[in-house]
Amino acid sequence: MAKSYTYILLCNDNSYYVGSTKNIDLRFWQHSNGIGGEYTSERLPVKLVYVEVFTRIDHAFQREHQLKKWTRKKKEALIKSDEQSLKALSKKIFSEKTNSKKEVPE
C-alpha cells in the first residue's frame, strides 16, 4: 500500500513550513537543497520536525491545509505531542454578551 505524508519543517528563520508528499525522503532532500520551493529555499537550512503518515495522498493534502491554518502555538503543541495544550488551543469560548465564538487567547 502506498504511503503519503504531511510534514512540518523548521526553517532557519524559526518559521514553520507545512507540506505533503508521496516521497518524504525525496521531498526533504529537495527542501534541504533549495529546490523544494521558494519559501524554504530562502530559509535554509531546514529541519524535519514532524511527520504524519497516510494511505492516500488526498488525506495528506487535506491535513496539510488544515495545519496551515493553525497558529504557531498549536503547531508546536502538535510537534511536541502535547495533547493537553493541543486540546486547550483547539477550544472555542463564547462571549456571554454577544454569544459569538472567539478563539482562546494564546
PDB file of N, CA and C in Angstrom:
ATOM      1  N   MET A   1       0.836  -1.174   0.000  1.00  0.00           N
ATOM      2  CA  MET A   1       0.000   0.000   0.000  1.00  0.00           C
ATOM      3  C   MET A   1       0.886   1.244   0.000  1.00  0.00           C
ATOM      4  N   ALA A   2       0.593   2.184  -0.875  1.00  0.00           N
ATOM      5  CA  ALA A   2       1.387   3.409  -0.994  1.00  0.00           C
ATOM      6  C   ALA A   2       1.199   4.288   0.240  1.00  0.00           C
ATOM      7  N   LYS A   3       2.249   4.965   0.611  1.00  0.00           N
ATOM      8  CA  LYS A   3       2.188   5.880   1.744  1.00  0.00           C
ATOM      9  C   LYS A   3       2.266   7.319   1.241  1.00  0.00           C
ATOM     10  N   SER A   4       1.638   8.188   1.976  1.00  0.00           N
ATOM     11  CA  SER A   4       1.708   9.626   1.741  1.00  0.00           C
ATOM     12  C   SER A   4       1.974  10.297   3.076  1.00  0.00           C
ATOM     13  N   TYR A   5       2.467  11.508   3.034  1.00  0.00           N
ATOM     14  CA  TYR A   5       2.940  12.165   4.247  1.00  0.00           C
ATOM     15  C   TYR A   5       2.518  13.630   4.298  1.00  0.00           C
ATOM     16  N   THR A   6       2.220  14.081   5.497  1.00  0.00           N
ATOM     17  CA  THR A   6       2.123  15.502   5.806  1.00  0.00           C
ATOM     18  C   THR A   6       3.289  15.782   6.742  1.00  0.00           C
ATOM     19  N   TYR A   7       3.985  16.882   6.512  1.00  0.00           N
ATOM     20  CA  TYR A   7       5.192  17.140   7.300  1.00  0.00           C
ATOM     21  C   TYR A   7       5.287  18.610   7.668  1.00  0.00           C
ATOM     22  N   ILE A   8       6.078  18.860   8.708  1.00  0.00           N
ATOM     23  CA  ILE A   8       6.380  20.227   9.132  1.00  0.00           C
ATOM     24  C   ILE A   8       7.890  20.362   9.185  1.00  0.00           C
ATOM     25  N   LEU A   9       8.387  21.424   8.561  1.00  0.00           N
ATOM     26  CA  LEU A   9       9.804  21.757   8.599  1.00  0.00           C
ATOM     27  C   LEU A   9      10.006  22.981   9.480  1.00  0.00           C
ATOM     28  N   LEU A  10      11.090  22.990  10.227  1.00  0.00           N
ATOM     29  CA  LEU A  10      11.522  24.184  10.943  1.00  0.00           C
ATOM     30  C   LEU A  10      12.597  24.838  10.089  1.00  0.00           C
ATOM     31  N   CYS A  11      12.346  26.071   9.704  1.00  0.00           N
ATOM     32  CA  CYS A  11      13.286  26.794   8.831  1.00  0.00           C
ATOM     33  C   CYS A  11      14.312  27.552   9.662  1.00  0.00           C
ATOM     34  N   ASN A  12      15.375  27.974   9.005  1.00  0.00           N
ATOM     35  CA  ASN A  12      16.478  28.669   9.660  1.00  0.00           C
ATOM     36  C   ASN A  12      16.027  29.960  10.348  1.00  0.00           C
ATOM     37  N   ASP A  13      14.972  30.601   9.857  1.00  0.00           N
ATOM     38  CA  ASP A  13      14.473  31.834  10.474  1.00  0.00           C
ATOM     39  C   ASP A  13      13.470  31.544  11.594  1.00  0.00           C
ATOM     40  N   ASN A  14      13.358  30.284  11.990  1.00  0.00           N
ATOM     41  CA  ASN A  14      12.486  29.817  13.067  1.00  0.00           C
ATOM     42  C   ASN A  14      11.007  29.794  12.669  1.00  0.00           C
ATOM     43  N   SER A  15      10.711  29.860  11.391  1.00  0.00           N
ATOM     44  CA  SER A  15       9.333  29.727  10.926  1.00  0.00           C
ATOM     45  C   SER A  15       9.070  28.260  10.584  1.00  0.00           C
ATOM     46  N   TYR A  16       7.798  27.929  10.437  1.00  0.00           N
ATOM     47  CA  TYR A  16       7.416  26.571  10.075  1.00  0.00           C
ATOM     48  C   TYR A  16       6.891  26.534   8.645  1.00  0.00           C
ATOM     49  N   TYR A  17       7.185  25.441   7.971  1.00  0.00           N
ATOM     50  CA  TYR A  17       6.659  25.180   6.632  1.00  0.00           C
ATOM     51  C   TYR A  17       5.911  23.854   6.701  1.00  0.00           C
ATOM     52  N   VAL A  18       4.675  23.821   6.196  1.00  0.00           N
ATOM     53  CA  VAL A  18       3.860  22.612   6.193  1.00  0.00           C
ATOM     54  C   VAL A  18       3.679  22.161   4.751  1.00  0.00           C
ATOM     55  N   GLY A  19       3.876  20.862   4.497  1.00  0.00           N
ATOM     56  CA  GLY A  19       3.708  20.325   3.153  1.00  0.00           C
ATOM     57  C   GLY A  19       3.205  18.899   3.181  1.00  0.00           C
ATOM     58  N   SER A  20       2.949  18.369   1.993  1.00  0.00           N
ATOM     59  CA  SER A  20       2.553  16.966   1.862  1.00  0.00           C
ATOM     60  C   SER A  20       3.233  16.389   0.628  1.00  0.00           C
ATOM     61  N   THR A  21       3.431  15.066   0.646  1.00  0.00           N
ATOM     62  CA  THR A  21       4.175  14.423  -0.433  1.00  0.00           C
ATOM     63  C   THR A  21       3.921  12.925  -0.432  1.00  0.00           C
ATOM     64  N   LYS A  22       4.294  12.287  -1.521  1.00  0.00           N
ATOM     65  CA  LYS A  22       4.265  10.819  -1.580  1.00  0.00           C
ATOM     66  C   LYS A  22       5.633  10.225  -1.235  1.00  0.00           C
ATOM     67  N   ASN A  23       6.683  11.045  -1.270  1.00  0.00           N
ATOM     68  CA  ASN A  23       8.040  10.559  -1.013  1.00  0.00           C
ATOM     69  C   ASN A  23       8.732  11.522  -0.051  1.00  0.00           C
ATOM     70  N   ILE A  24       8.677  11.227   1.227  1.00  0.00           N
ATOM     71  CA  ILE A  24       9.198  12.142   2.241  1.00  0.00           C
ATOM     72  C   ILE A  24      10.711  12.319   2.141  1.00  0.00           C
ATOM     73  N   ASP A  25      11.434  11.249   1.820  1.00  0.00           N
ATOM     74  CA  ASP A  25      12.896  11.364   1.725  1.00  0.00           C
ATOM     75  C   ASP A  25      13.303  12.287   0.578  1.00  0.00           C
ATOM     76  N   LEU A  26      12.693  12.096  -0.586  1.00  0.00           N
ATOM     77  CA  LEU A  26      12.998  12.946  -1.742  1.00  0.00           C
ATOM     78  C   LEU A  26      12.589  14.388  -1.469  1.00  0.00           C
ATOM     79  N   ARG A  27      11.410  14.576  -0.899  1.00  0.00           N
ATOM     80  CA  ARG A  27      10.918  15.937  -0.674  1.00  0.00           C
ATOM     81  C   ARG A  27      11.787  16.673   0.329  1.00  0.00           C
ATOM     82  N   PHE A  28      12.219  15.995   1.388  1.00  0.00           N
ATOM     83  CA  PHE A  28      13.106  16.647   2.350  1.00  0.00           C
ATOM     84  C   PHE A  28      14.445  16.979   1.702  1.00  0.00           C
ATOM     85  N   TRP A  29      14.959  16.083   0.879  1.00  0.00           N
ATOM     86  CA  TRP A  29      16.209  16.347   0.157  1.00  0.00           C
ATOM     87  C   TRP A  29      16.050  17.591  -0.725  1.00  0.00           C
ATOM     88  N   GLN A  30      14.912  17.676  -1.421  1.00  0.00           N
ATOM     89  CA  GLN A  30      14.661  18.845  -2.276  1.00  0.00           C
ATOM     90  C   GLN A  30      14.642  20.129  -1.452  1.00  0.00           C
ATOM     91  N   HIS A  31      13.913  20.114  -0.353  1.00  0.00           N
ATOM     92  CA  HIS A  31      13.874  21.302   0.505  1.00  0.00           C
ATOM     93  C   HIS A  31      15.268  21.655   1.017  1.00  0.00           C
ATOM     94  N   SER A  32      16.011  20.665   1.448  1.00  0.00           N
ATOM     95  CA  SER A  32      17.344  20.887   2.011  1.00  0.00           C
ATOM     96  C   SER A  32      18.335  21.419   0.989  1.00  0.00           C
ATOM     97  N   ASN A  33      18.076  21.157  -0.287  1.00  0.00           N
ATOM     98  CA  ASN A  33      18.984  21.592  -1.345  1.00  0.00           C
ATOM     99  C   ASN A  33      18.462  22.778  -2.143  1.00  0.00           C
ATOM    100  N   GLY A  34      17.468  23.460  -1.598  1.00  0.00           N
ATOM    101  CA  GLY A  34      16.991  24.694  -2.197  1.00  0.00           C
ATOM    102  C   GLY A  34      16.102  24.540  -3.413  1.00  0.00           C
ATOM    103  N   ILE A  35      15.621  23.318  -3.666  1.00  0.00           N
ATOM    104  CA  ILE A  35      14.758  23.114  -4.831  1.00  0.00           C
ATOM    105  C   ILE A  35      13.380  22.602  -4.412  1.00  0.00           C
ATOM    106  N   GLY A  36      13.052  22.763  -3.141  1.00  0.00           N
ATOM    107  CA  GLY A  36      11.767  22.286  -2.635  1.00  0.00           C
ATOM    108  C   GLY A  36      10.681  23.329  -2.659  1.00  0.00           C
ATOM    109  N   GLY A  37      11.009  24.544  -3.036  1.00  0.00           N
ATOM    110  CA  GLY A  37      10.038  25.625  -3.066  1.00  0.00           C
ATOM    111  C   GLY A  37      10.704  26.923  -2.668  1.00  0.00           C
ATOM    112  N   GLU A  38      10.118  28.009  -3.116  1.00  0.00           N
ATOM    113  CA  GLU A  38      10.701  29.323  -2.870  1.00  0.00           C
ATOM    114  C   GLU A  38      10.802  29.641  -1.373  1.00  0.00           C
ATOM    115  N   TYR A  39       9.748  29.335  -0.629  1.00  0.00           N
ATOM    116  CA  TYR A  39       9.742  29.670   0.792  1.00  0.00           C
ATOM    117  C   TYR A  39      10.919  29.039   1.522  1.00  0.00           C
ATOM    118  N   THR A  40      11.095  27.728   1.370  1.00  0.00           N
ATOM    119  CA  THR A  40      12.167  27.054   2.104  1.00  0.00           C
ATOM    120  C   THR A  40      13.537  27.348   1.508  1.00  0.00           C
ATOM    121  N   SER A  41      13.609  27.574   0.209  1.00  0.00           N
ATOM    122  CA  SER A  41      14.917  27.837  -0.408  1.00  0.00           C
ATOM    123  C   SER A  41      15.536  29.128   0.112  1.00  0.00           C
ATOM    124  N   GLU A  42      14.709  30.036   0.609  1.00  0.00           N
ATOM    125  CA  GLU A  42      15.200  31.298   1.177  1.00  0.00           C
ATOM    126  C   GLU A  42      15.435  31.214   2.674  1.00  0.00           C
ATOM    127  N   ARG A  43      15.197  30.030   3.254  1.00  0.00           N
ATOM    128  CA  ARG A  43      15.290  29.882   4.705  1.00  0.00           C
ATOM    129  C   ARG A  43      16.092  28.636   5.105  1.00  0.00           C
ATOM    130  N   LEU A  44      17.118  28.333   4.378  1.00  0.00           N
ATOM    131  CA  LEU A  44      17.957  27.160   4.641  1.00  0.00           C
ATOM    132  C   LEU A  44      18.909  27.424   5.789  1.00  0.00           C
ATOM    133  N   PRO A  45      19.298  26.411   6.535  1.00  0.00           N
ATOM    134  CA  PRO A  45      18.864  25.029   6.399  1.00  0.00           C
ATOM    135  C   PRO A  45      17.500  24.800   7.047  1.00  0.00           C
ATOM    136  N   VAL A  46      16.879  23.697   6.688  1.00  0.00           N
ATOM    137  CA  VAL A  46      15.591  23.312   7.256  1.00  0.00           C
ATOM    138  C   VAL A  46      15.766  22.004   8.018  1.00  0.00           C
ATOM    139  N   LYS A  47      14.875  21.798   8.981  1.00  0.00           N
ATOM    140  CA  LYS A  47      14.914  20.580   9.801  1.00  0.00           C
ATOM    141  C   LYS A  47      13.519  19.964   9.790  1.00  0.00           C
ATOM    142  N   LEU A  48      13.441  18.672   9.537  1.00  0.00           N
ATOM    143  CA  LEU A  48      12.177  17.958   9.572  1.00  0.00           C
ATOM    144  C   LEU A  48      11.809  17.717  11.038  1.00  0.00           C
ATOM    145  N   VAL A  49      10.689  18.311  11.486  1.00  0.00           N
ATOM    146  CA  VAL A  49      10.339  18.224  12.907  1.00  0.00           C
ATOM    147  C   VAL A  49       9.063  17.434  13.173  1.00  0.00           C
ATOM    148  N   TYR A  50       8.295  17.116  12.123  1.00  0.00           N
ATOM    149  CA  TYR A  50       7.043  16.393  12.342  1.00  0.00           C
ATOM    150  C   TYR A  50       6.604  15.715  11.049  1.00  0.00           C
ATOM    151  N   VAL A  51       6.089  14.486  11.176  1.00  0.00           N
ATOM    152  CA  VAL A  51       5.585  13.738  10.019  1.00  0.00           C
ATOM    153  C   VAL A  51       4.356  12.935  10.438  1.00  0.00           C
ATOM    154  N   GLU A  52       3.333  12.949   9.590  1.00  0.00           N
ATOM    155  CA  GLU A  52       2.176  12.069   9.732  1.00  0.00           C
ATOM    156  C   GLU A  52       2.110  11.220   8.470  1.00  0.00           C
ATOM    157  N   VAL A  53       1.728   9.952   8.623  1.00  0.00           N
ATOM    158  CA  VAL A  53       1.672   9.011   7.506  1.00  0.00           C
ATOM    159  C   VAL A  53       0.212   8.705   7.175  1.00  0.00           C
ATOM    160  N   PHE A  54      -0.098   8.692   5.881  1.00  0.00           N
ATOM    161  CA  PHE A  54      -1.446   8.400   5.391  1.00  0.00           C
ATOM    162  C   PHE A  54      -1.356   7.337   4.299  1.00  0.00           C
ATOM    163  N   THR A  55      -2.471   6.698   4.029  1.00  0.00           N
ATOM    164  CA  THR A  55      -2.506   5.711   2.946  1.00  0.00           C
ATOM    165  C   THR A  55      -2.940   6.338   1.626  1.00  0.00           C
ATOM    166  N   ARG A  56      -3.451   7.565   1.686  1.00  0.00           N
ATOM    167  CA  ARG A  56      -3.891   8.250   0.461  1.00  0.00           C
ATOM    168  C   ARG A  56      -3.350   9.670   0.442  1.00  0.00           C
ATOM    169  N   ILE A  57      -2.880  10.121  -0.718  1.00  0.00           N
ATOM    170  CA  ILE A  57      -2.312  11.464  -0.846  1.00  0.00           C
ATOM    171  C   ILE A  57      -3.360  12.542  -0.609  1.00  0.00           C
ATOM    172  N   ASP A  58      -4.616  12.292  -0.974  1.00  0.00           N
ATOM    173  CA  ASP A  58      -5.639  13.323  -0.751  1.00  0.00           C
ATOM    174  C   ASP A  58      -5.857  13.564   0.743  1.00  0.00           C
ATOM    175  N   HIS A  59      -5.688  12.548   1.563  1.00  0.00           N
ATOM    176  CA  HIS A  59      -5.806  12.729   3.013  1.00  0.00           C
ATOM    177  C   HIS A  59      -4.622  13.544   3.539  1.00  0.00           C
ATOM    178  N   ALA A  60      -3.437  13.276   3.040  1.00  0.00           N
ATOM    179  CA  ALA A  60      -2.251  14.043   3.440  1.00  0.00           C
ATOM    180  C   ALA A  60      -2.399  15.501   3.015  1.00  0.00           C
ATOM    181  N   PHE A  61      -2.932  15.726   1.823  1.00  0.00           N
ATOM    182  CA  PHE A  61      -3.139  17.068   1.302  1.00  0.00           C
ATOM    183  C   PHE A  61      -4.170  17.824   2.149  1.00  0.00           C
ATOM    184  N   GLN A  62      -5.247  17.145   2.528  1.00  0.00           N
ATOM    185  CA  GLN A  62      -6.267  17.764   3.387  1.00  0.00           C
ATOM    186  C   GLN A  62      -5.678  18.138   4.748  1.00  0.00           C
ATOM    187  N   ARG A  63      -4.873  17.258   5.294  1.00  0.00           N
ATOM    188  CA  ARG A  63      -4.246  17.531   6.592  1.00  0.00           C
ATOM    189  C   ARG A  63      -3.285  18.711   6.482  1.00  0.00           C
ATOM    190  N   GLU A  64      -2.525  18.772   5.378  1.00  0.00           N
ATOM    191  CA  GLU A  64      -1.623  19.905   5.146  1.00  0.00           C
ATOM    192  C   GLU A  64      -2.403  21.210   5.219  1.00  0.00           C
ATOM    193  N   HIS A  65      -3.514  21.290   4.527  1.00  0.00           N
ATOM    194  CA  HIS A  65      -4.307  22.516   4.506  1.00  0.00           C
ATOM    195  C   HIS A  65      -4.907  22.841   5.871  1.00  0.00           C
ATOM    196  N   GLN A  66      -5.240  21.809   6.631  1.00  0.00           N
ATOM    197  CA  GLN A  66      -5.733  22.034   7.982  1.00  0.00           C
ATOM    198  C   GLN A  66      -4.628  22.638   8.852  1.00  0.00           C
ATOM    199  N   LEU A  67      -3.437  22.045   8.812  1.00  0.00           N
ATOM    200  CA  LEU A  67      -2.329  22.514   9.650  1.00  0.00           C
ATOM    201  C   LEU A  67      -1.872  23.915   9.276  1.00  0.00           C
ATOM    202  N   LYS A  68      -1.954  24.265   8.008  1.00  0.00           N
ATOM    203  CA  LYS A  68      -1.541  25.600   7.576  1.00  0.00           C
ATOM    204  C   LYS A  68      -2.389  26.697   8.207  1.00  0.00           C
ATOM    205  N   LYS A  69      -3.586  26.373   8.626  1.00  0.00           N
ATOM    206  CA  LYS A  69      -4.477  27.351   9.259  1.00  0.00           C
ATOM    207  C   LYS A  69      -4.214  27.490  10.757  1.00  0.00           C
ATOM    208  N   TRP A  70      -3.464  26.592  11.321  1.00  0.00           N
ATOM    209  CA  TRP A  70      -3.212  26.583  12.758  1.00  0.00           C
ATOM    210  C   TRP A  70      -2.235  27.684  13.158  1.00  0.00           C
ATOM    211  N   THR A  71      -2.344  28.104  14.409  1.00  0.00           N
ATOM    212  CA  THR A  71      -1.395  29.073  14.955  1.00  0.00           C
ATOM    213  C   THR A  71      -0.051  28.389  15.200  1.00  0.00           C
ATOM    214  N   ARG A  72       0.941  29.199  15.391  1.00  0.00           N
ATOM    215  CA  ARG A  72       2.271  28.671  15.702  1.00  0.00           C
ATOM    216  C   ARG A  72       2.242  27.835  16.984  1.00  0.00           C
ATOM    217  N   LYS A  73       1.564  28.335  18.005  1.00  0.00           N
ATOM    218  CA  LYS A  73       1.499  27.612  19.285  1.00  0.00           C
ATOM    219  C   LYS A  73       0.831  26.252  19.116  1.00  0.00           C
ATOM    220  N   LYS A  74      -0.195  26.209  18.309  1.00  0.00           N
ATOM    221  CA  LYS A  74      -0.900  24.946  18.100  1.00  0.00           C
ATOM    222  C   LYS A  74      -0.014  23.962  17.332  1.00  0.00           C
ATOM    223  N   LYS A  75       0.720  24.450  16.321  1.00  0.00           N
ATOM    224  CA  LYS A  75       1.663  23.582  15.592  1.00  0.00           C
ATOM    225  C   LYS A  75       2.742  23.058  16.530  1.00  0.00           C
ATOM    226  N   GLU A  76       3.229  23.916  17.415  1.00  0.00           N
ATOM    227  CA  GLU A  76       4.268  23.488  18.348  1.00  0.00           C
ATOM    228  C   GLU A  76       3.749  22.445  19.332  1.00  0.00           C
ATOM    229  N   ALA A  77       2.506  22.573  19.751  1.00  0.00           N
ATOM    230  CA  ALA A  77       1.921  21.563  20.634  1.00  0.00           C
ATOM    231  C   ALA A  77       1.830  20.223  19.903  1.00  0.00           C
ATOM    232  N   LEU A  78       1.471  20.259  18.622  1.00  0.00           N
ATOM    233  CA  LEU A  78       1.417  19.034  17.817  1.00  0.00           C
ATOM    234  C   LEU A  78       2.807  18.420  17.679  1.00  0.00           C
ATOM    235  N   ILE A  79       3.782  19.224  17.372  1.00  0.00           N
ATOM    236  CA  ILE A  79       5.165  18.757  17.203  1.00  0.00           C
ATOM    237  C   ILE A  79       5.677  18.110  18.493  1.00  0.00           C
ATOM    238  N   LYS A  80       5.340  18.699  19.624  1.00  0.00           N
ATOM    239  CA  LYS A  80       5.787  18.189  20.926  1.00  0.00           C
ATOM    240  C   LYS A  80       4.906  17.061  21.461  1.00  0.00           C
ATOM    241  N   SER A  81       3.848  16.710  20.717  1.00  0.00           N
ATOM    242  CA  SER A  81       2.867  15.715  21.173  1.00  0.00           C
ATOM    243  C   SER A  81       2.263  16.111  22.511  1.00  0.00           C
ATOM    244  N   ASP A  82       2.049  17.398  22.702  1.00  0.00           N
ATOM    245  CA  ASP A  82       1.473  17.935  23.932  1.00  0.00           C
ATOM    246  C   ASP A  82      -0.049  17.978  23.772  1.00  0.00           C
ATOM    247  N   GLU A  83      -0.690  16.844  24.069  1.00  0.00           N
ATOM    248  CA  GLU A  83      -2.135  16.709  23.857  1.00  0.00           C
ATOM    249  C   GLU A  83      -2.943  17.686  24.698  1.00  0.00           C
ATOM    250  N   GLN A  84      -2.518  17.956  25.906  1.00  0.00           N
ATOM    251  CA  GLN A  84      -3.252  18.871  26.775  1.00  0.00           C
ATOM    252  C   GLN A  84      -3.266  20.277  26.181  1.00  0.00           C
ATOM    253  N   SER A  85      -2.131  20.773  25.763  1.00  0.00           N
ATOM    254  CA  SER A  85      -2.067  22.102  25.152  1.00  0.00           C
ATOM    255  C   SER A  85      -2.808  22.133  23.825  1.00  0.00           C
ATOM    256  N   LEU A  86      -2.685  21.067  23.066  1.00  0.00           N
ATOM    257  CA  LEU A  86      -3.357  20.989  21.770  1.00  0.00           C
ATOM    258  C   LEU A  86      -4.872  21.085  21.952  1.00  0.00           C
ATOM    259  N   LYS A  87      -5.399  20.385  22.935  1.00  0.00           N
ATOM    260  CA  LYS A  87      -6.838  20.447  23.209  1.00  0.00           C
ATOM    261  C   LYS A  87      -7.240  21.848  23.655  1.00  0.00           C
ATOM    262  N   ALA A  88      -6.460  22.438  24.531  1.00  0.00           N
ATOM    263  CA  ALA A  88      -6.782  23.789  25.026  1.00  0.00           C
ATOM    264  C   ALA A  88      -6.736  24.812  23.888  1.00  0.00           C
ATOM    265  N   LEU A  89      -5.779  24.685  22.998  1.00  0.00           N
ATOM    266  CA  LEU A  89      -5.659  25.621  21.883  1.00  0.00           C
ATOM    267  C   LEU A  89      -6.732  25.401  20.821  1.00  0.00           C
ATOM    268  N   SER A  90      -7.396  24.269  20.878  1.00  0.00           N
ATOM    269  CA  SER A  90      -8.438  23.953  19.907  1.00  0.00           C
ATOM    270  C   SER A  90      -9.824  24.370  20.365  1.00  0.00           C
ATOM    271  N   LYS A  91      -9.969  24.717  21.613  1.00  0.00           N
ATOM    272  CA  LYS A  91     -11.291  25.051  22.155  1.00  0.00           C
ATOM    273  C   LYS A  91     -11.710  26.457  21.754  1.00  0.00           C
ATOM    274  N   LYS A  92     -13.002  26.626  21.607  1.00  0.00           N
ATOM    275  CA  LYS A  92     -13.607  27.926  21.352  1.00  0.00           C
ATOM    276  C   LYS A  92     -14.265  28.387  22.651  1.00  0.00           C
ATOM    277  N   ILE A  93     -14.268  29.691  22.866  1.00  0.00           N
ATOM    278  CA  ILE A  93     -15.001  30.234  24.003  1.00  0.00           C
ATOM    279  C   ILE A  93     -16.117  31.115  23.457  1.00  0.00           C
ATOM    280  N   PHE A  94     -17.172  31.239  24.219  1.00  0.00           N
ATOM    281  CA  PHE A  94     -18.320  32.030  23.781  1.00  0.00           C
ATOM    282  C   PHE A  94     -18.467  33.238  24.687  1.00  0.00           C
ATOM    283  N   SER A  95     -18.664  34.379  24.061  1.00  0.00           N
ATOM    284  CA  SER A  95     -18.892  35.607  24.796  1.00  0.00           C
ATOM    285  C   SER A  95     -20.309  35.595  25.342  1.00  0.00           C
ATOM    286  N   GLU A  96     -20.481  35.949  26.605  1.00  0.00           N
ATOM    287  CA  GLU A  96     -21.817  35.949  27.207  1.00  0.00           C
ATOM    288  C   GLU A  96     -22.690  37.051  26.616  1.00  0.00           C
ATOM    289  N   LYS A  97     -22.108  38.187  26.263  1.00  0.00           N
ATOM    290  CA  LYS A  97     -22.869  39.320  25.755  1.00  0.00           C
ATOM    291  C   LYS A  97     -23.402  39.071  24.349  1.00  0.00           C
ATOM    292  N   THR A  98     -22.530  38.632  23.461  1.00  0.00           N
ATOM    293  CA  THR A  98     -22.918  38.514  22.055  1.00  0.00           C
ATOM    294  C   THR A  98     -23.196  37.089  21.634  1.00  0.00           C
ATOM    295  N   ASN A  99     -22.830  36.147  22.499  1.00  0.00           N
ATOM    296  CA  ASN A  99     -22.999  34.730  22.178  1.00  0.00           C
ATOM    297  C   ASN A  99     -22.238  34.343  20.902  1.00  0.00           C
ATOM    298  N   SER A 100     -21.146  35.052  20.638  1.00  0.00           N
ATOM    299  CA  SER A 100     -20.347  34.741  19.453  1.00  0.00           C
ATOM    300  C   SER A 100     -19.086  33.999  19.849  1.00  0.00           C
ATOM    301  N   LYS A 101     -18.569  33.228  18.886  1.00  0.00           N
ATOM    302  CA  LYS A 101     -17.359  32.446  19.148  1.00  0.00           C
ATOM    303  C   LYS A 101     -16.128  33.333  19.104  1.00  0.00           C
ATOM    304  N   LYS A 102     -15.163  33.005  19.943  1.00  0.00           N
ATOM    305  CA  LYS A 102     -13.870  33.677  19.936  1.00  0.00           C
ATOM    306  C   LYS A 102     -12.809  32.609  20.114  1.00  0.00           C
ATOM    307  N   GLU A 103     -11.663  32.825  19.527  1.00  0.00           N
ATOM    308  CA  GLU A 103     -10.541  31.916  19.728  1.00  0.00           C
ATOM    309  C   GLU A 103     -10.030  32.075  21.146  1.00  0.00           C
ATOM    310  N   VAL A 104      -9.558  31.007  21.704  1.00  0.00           N
ATOM    311  CA  VAL A 104      -8.929  31.049  23.017  1.00  0.00           C
ATOM    312  C   VAL A 104      -7.641  31.854  22.887  1.00  0.00           C
ATOM    313  N   PRO A 105      -7.394  32.819  23.763  1.00  0.00           N
ATOM    314  CA  PRO A 105      -6.160  33.593  23.669  1.00  0.00           C
ATOM    315  C   PRO A 105      -4.930  32.728  23.805  1.00  0.00           C
ATOM    316  N   GLU A 106      -3.887  33.124  23.107  1.00  0.00           N
ATOM    317  CA  GLU A 106      -2.633  32.354  23.142  1.00  0.00           C
ATOM    318  C   GLU A 106      -1.775  32.858  24.229  1.00  0.00           C
TER     319      GLU A 106
END
